[in-house]
Structures are given as structure tokens and as C-alpha cells.
Amino acid sequence: MNFLAHLHLVYDDEDLMLGAMLGDFVRGRRALWSWPPNVRKGIRIHRKIDKLTDQAPEFRRLQKQFEKPFRRYSGIIIDLAFDHELATHWEAYSTISLPEFDRQVRAMLKPHGERLPHELKQFMAYADRRGLFDTYRDEGEVLHSLAGIGKRFKRSNPLAQVDEIWAEIKPLAAEAFVTFYPSMQAQVQLLINPRSTITGS
């Protein structure tokens, strides 16, 4: 999953949201334990979400639709495609607008500015320039983001050419997301509240 989905899945708890942003950037036990307990919980939930995503049948079926040279990078492409689906259909999943959610994320991060890992600061500077996360509704912005990710790899990769397969991949991702995301929401709620059940007890 990419940032928008990670944040939305733990929305309403700022510590968990901070952990959701830190999950890809905090490395090592010392760095992890430098954060408060609930932020650490958010980091661990982020990483569990990534594992659950990789194991999800919808995700695996979708990966099989990719051919070389894109298959090797299919996970990255699907992550961004799913964020695009979430942003496009945001009102079906959230009671607040996407611009307001975007504002709340920035307000949540601001007090921690000096502590944030350098890579996360760089990402948020990029997000500010591009108007993320609201612009994930725009297919062109998603493709631009994928091309930018591709530039960070040392080896040559096809992420700047995803536009060549986007028309084929987008409807498949949309179909997969409809069942994948509600399932992920339910699983994450159990990670947040392990004692909760379907009946709410």
C-alpha cells in the first residue's frame, strides 16, 4: 500500500498516522524505540499492512496480469493504482473531504518536523510541490509519481513507461480494489483493537 491508503486505514489516531508515515523510513531497533509506544504501534501496523497486501489474493491475481519488463515492479505500480482508486472514490470511504484529510496530515506532521527522517522530509516537500494527496485523483499525477520512483533506482526500470499499459491495468486495479480495500479495513481494525470482534465486543 502507498501513503494515502496507509494513512486512511489508521485515520482518527494521530500517533498511528505518524507511524503510518514513518513505516518505510524508520530502520533499526534504536530508531524504532526512539518513538513513543503508540507511534511504534503505527509503524508495526504499517509493516503488517504491507505483508497482508502482498498476501492478498486480489493483489496476487493482479500481479499475474503484468508482463515483462513491468512484472518485476508490479507491486509498486499496484500500490499507486490503489491510491488512485482510493482518491478517486474517496467519498465512499471517508466522511471528510480529501483536501481536508490532506490538511490534517500536514498538521499532524508539523510538530515533528525536526525529528522526521530525511527521506520523509524530502517526500513531504515533494508532496507540497505536487499537491499530494489530493492530486492522486489525477492519472497523470500517478504516472508522474511512478516515473519519479523509477529515478531513485540505480538499475534501469520501466516505471517511466507505465503510461503504455495504464489503460489496461487501471480497470483491473479498480475491480480488485473494490473487494481488497474493505477486507484490508477490517483486518487493520483488528490490528488496532485486537480484542474487537464482528459484534463489536
Protein backbone atom coordinates (compact mmCIF):
# COMPACT_ATOMS: atom_id res chain seq x y z
CA MET A 1 0.00 0.00 0.00
CA ASN A 2 1.08 3.56 -0.57
CA PHE A 3 0.89 6.55 1.78
CA LEU A 4 -2.72 7.62 1.21
CA ALA A 5 -4.14 4.19 1.99
CA HIS A 6 -1.78 3.65 4.93
CA LEU A 7 -2.92 6.94 6.46
CA HIS A 8 -6.60 6.39 5.80
CA LEU A 9 -6.56 2.91 7.31
CA VAL A 10 -5.49 4.30 10.71
CA TYR A 11 -7.31 7.64 10.48
CA ASP A 12 -8.54 9.27 13.72
CA ASP A 13 -5.41 8.39 15.71
CA GLU A 14 -2.56 10.85 15.12
CA ASP A 15 0.08 8.59 16.66
CA LEU A 16 -0.89 5.71 14.39
CA MET A 17 -0.97 8.08 11.41
CA LEU A 18 2.52 9.31 12.25
CA GLY A 19 3.63 5.68 12.47
CA ALA A 20 1.99 5.04 9.11
CA MET A 21 4.17 7.75 7.57
CA LEU A 22 7.31 6.54 9.34
CA GLY A 23 6.93 2.86 8.46
CA ASP A 24 9.13 2.97 5.36
CA PHE A 25 11.75 5.26 6.88
CA VAL A 26 12.49 4.08 10.44
CA ARG A 27 15.22 1.46 10.28
CA GLY A 28 16.75 -0.43 13.17
CA ARG A 29 15.64 -1.17 16.72
CA ARG A 30 17.18 2.01 18.18
CA ALA A 31 15.38 4.25 15.70
CA LEU A 32 12.11 2.40 16.29
CA TRP A 33 12.33 2.70 20.07
CA SER A 34 13.08 6.41 19.90
CA TRP A 35 9.37 6.95 19.20
CA PRO A 36 6.51 6.72 21.74
CA PRO A 37 4.66 3.38 22.12
CA ASN A 38 1.61 4.26 20.03
CA VAL A 39 3.77 5.62 17.20
CA ARG A 40 5.75 2.36 17.29
CA LYS A 41 2.44 0.55 17.06
CA GLY A 42 1.62 2.59 13.95
CA ILE A 43 4.97 1.67 12.40
CA ARG A 44 4.34 -2.01 13.08
CA ILE A 45 0.82 -1.77 11.67
CA HIS A 46 2.25 -0.15 8.52
CA ARG A 47 4.59 -3.09 8.04
CA LYS A 48 1.87 -5.64 8.76
CA ILE A 49 -0.36 -3.94 6.18
CA ASP A 50 2.41 -4.32 3.61
CA LYS A 51 2.66 -8.04 4.37
CA LEU A 52 -1.11 -8.52 4.26
CA THR A 53 -1.23 -6.68 0.95
CA ASP A 54 1.43 -8.91 -0.59
CA GLN A 55 -0.53 -11.97 0.56
CA ALA A 56 -3.96 -10.74 -0.56
CA PRO A 57 -5.49 -12.87 -3.36
CA GLU A 58 -6.66 -9.77 -5.24
CA PHE A 59 -3.13 -8.36 -5.19
CA ARG A 60 -1.54 -11.61 -6.32
CA ARG A 61 -4.03 -12.10 -9.16
CA LEU A 62 -3.39 -8.57 -10.33
CA GLN A 63 0.38 -9.06 -10.28
CA LYS A 64 -0.01 -12.00 -12.66
CA GLN A 65 -1.54 -9.68 -15.27
CA PHE A 66 1.78 -7.86 -15.70
CA GLU A 67 4.24 -8.95 -18.36
CA LYS A 68 7.96 -8.22 -18.61
CA PRO A 69 9.52 -5.75 -18.03
CA PHE A 70 6.73 -4.44 -15.77
CA ARG A 71 6.12 -7.58 -13.70
CA ARG A 72 9.21 -7.04 -11.55
CA TYR A 73 7.80 -3.64 -10.50
CA SER A 74 4.13 -4.65 -10.38
CA GLY A 75 3.88 -4.19 -6.60
CA ILE A 76 4.90 -0.53 -6.86
CA ILE A 77 2.52 0.07 -9.75
CA ILE A 78 -0.40 -1.58 -7.96
CA ASP A 79 0.28 0.40 -4.77
CA LEU A 80 -0.04 3.68 -6.67
CA ALA A 81 -3.01 2.41 -8.67
CA PHE A 82 -4.79 1.55 -5.42
CA ASP A 83 -4.07 5.02 -4.02
CA HIS A 84 -5.55 6.42 -7.23
CA GLU A 85 -8.68 4.32 -6.72
CA LEU A 86 -8.98 5.44 -3.10
CA ALA A 87 -8.56 9.10 -4.05
CA THR A 88 -10.98 8.82 -6.98
CA HIS A 89 -13.70 7.23 -4.84
CA TRP A 90 -12.74 8.96 -1.60
CA GLU A 91 -16.28 9.94 -0.64
CA ALA A 92 -17.25 6.26 -0.50
CA TYR A 93 -14.64 5.62 2.19
CA SER A 94 -14.41 8.84 4.20
CA THR A 95 -16.74 11.34 5.85
CA ILE A 96 -14.30 14.24 5.32
CA SER A 97 -13.08 15.65 2.03
CA LEU A 98 -9.74 14.62 0.61
CA PRO A 99 -8.36 18.20 0.75
CA GLU A 100 -9.31 18.35 4.45
CA PHE A 101 -7.67 14.97 5.06
CA ASP A 102 -4.58 16.27 3.26
CA ARG A 103 -4.55 19.34 5.53
CA GLN A 104 -4.87 17.19 8.65
CA VAL A 105 -1.92 15.02 7.62
CA ARG A 106 0.31 18.07 7.22
CA ALA A 107 -0.88 19.49 10.55
CA MET A 108 -0.13 16.14 12.22
CA LEU A 109 3.42 16.04 10.83
CA LYS A 110 4.33 19.68 11.51
CA PRO A 111 5.19 19.39 15.25
CA HIS A 112 7.56 16.52 14.46
CA GLY A 113 9.38 18.29 11.64
CA GLU A 114 12.85 18.23 13.17
CA ARG A 115 12.60 14.55 14.14
CA LEU A 116 11.33 13.22 10.83
CA PRO A 117 13.77 11.11 8.80
CA HIS A 118 15.41 12.98 5.95
CA GLU A 119 13.71 10.82 3.31
CA LEU A 120 10.27 11.57 4.75
CA LYS A 121 11.02 15.30 4.79
CA GLN A 122 12.01 15.02 1.13
CA PHE A 123 8.79 13.19 0.31
CA MET A 124 6.63 15.78 2.08
CA ALA A 125 8.45 18.59 0.27
CA TYR A 126 7.64 16.78 -2.97
CA ALA A 127 4.04 16.28 -1.80
CA ASP A 128 3.72 20.01 -1.12
CA ARG A 129 5.04 20.87 -4.58
CA ARG A 130 2.74 18.43 -6.35
CA GLY A 131 -0.36 18.93 -4.19
CA LEU A 132 -0.44 15.38 -2.91
CA PHE A 133 -2.53 13.60 -1.76
CA ASP A 134 -5.48 15.30 -3.41
CA THR A 135 -3.91 15.08 -6.86
CA TYR A 136 -3.80 11.27 -6.73
CA ARG A 137 -7.22 11.55 -8.37
CA ASP A 138 -5.31 12.62 -11.49
CA GLU A 139 -3.98 9.68 -13.52
CA GLY A 140 -1.22 11.91 -14.86
CA GLU A 141 -0.01 12.61 -11.33
CA VAL A 142 0.09 8.90 -10.54
CA LEU A 143 2.16 8.25 -13.66
CA HIS A 144 4.44 11.18 -12.77
CA SER A 145 4.93 9.71 -9.28
CA LEU A 146 5.80 6.31 -10.73
CA ALA A 147 8.36 7.87 -13.04
CA GLY A 148 9.85 9.71 -10.06
CA ILE A 149 10.12 6.48 -8.08
CA GLY A 150 11.85 4.90 -11.05
CA LYS A 151 14.55 7.56 -10.99
CA ARG A 152 15.52 6.52 -7.47
CA PHE A 153 16.53 3.04 -8.60
CA LYS A 154 20.14 2.50 -9.61
CA ARG A 155 19.18 -0.07 -12.24
CA SER A 156 17.20 0.83 -15.34
CA ASN A 157 13.47 0.18 -14.97
CA PRO A 158 10.21 0.72 -16.87
CA LEU A 159 8.36 2.86 -14.31
CA ALA A 160 8.51 5.91 -16.58
CA GLN A 161 6.71 3.86 -19.25
CA VAL A 162 3.73 2.72 -17.20
CA ASP A 163 1.57 5.00 -19.35
CA GLU A 164 1.96 2.35 -22.07
CA ILE A 165 0.00 -0.21 -20.02
CA TRP A 166 -2.10 2.09 -17.81
CA ALA A 167 -5.28 1.77 -19.89
CA GLU A 168 -5.10 -2.00 -19.44
CA ILE A 169 -4.09 -2.03 -15.77
CA LYS A 170 -6.41 0.68 -14.42
CA PRO A 171 -9.74 -1.21 -14.80
CA LEU A 172 -8.17 -4.37 -13.39
CA ALA A 173 -6.89 -2.44 -10.38
CA ALA A 174 -10.29 -0.80 -9.93
CA GLU A 175 -12.02 -4.17 -9.91
CA ALA A 176 -9.53 -5.64 -7.43
CA PHE A 177 -9.71 -2.63 -5.11
CA VAL A 178 -13.47 -2.96 -4.59
CA THR A 179 -13.01 -6.20 -2.65
CA PHE A 180 -9.44 -5.74 -1.47
CA TYR A 181 -9.83 -2.47 0.43
CA PRO A 182 -12.86 -3.28 2.62
CA SER A 183 -11.13 -6.53 3.59
CA MET A 184 -7.98 -4.60 4.48
CA GLN A 185 -10.01 -2.11 6.54
CA ALA A 186 -11.48 -4.95 8.59
CA GLN A 187 -8.07 -6.56 9.13
CA VAL A 188 -6.49 -3.28 10.21
CA GLN A 189 -9.24 -2.65 12.74
CA LEU A 190 -8.31 -5.97 14.34
CA LEU A 191 -4.68 -4.87 14.44
CA ILE A 192 -5.67 -1.60 16.11
CA ASN A 193 -8.12 -3.23 18.53
CA PRO A 194 -7.14 -6.92 18.88
CA ARG A 195 -9.98 -7.58 21.33
CA SER A 196 -12.67 -6.33 18.96
CA THR A 197 -14.92 -8.79 17.14
CA ILE A 198 -17.50 -8.63 14.41
CA THR A 199 -20.12 -7.98 17.10
CA GLY A 200 -18.09 -5.09 18.45
CA SER A 201 -17.39 -6.62 21.85
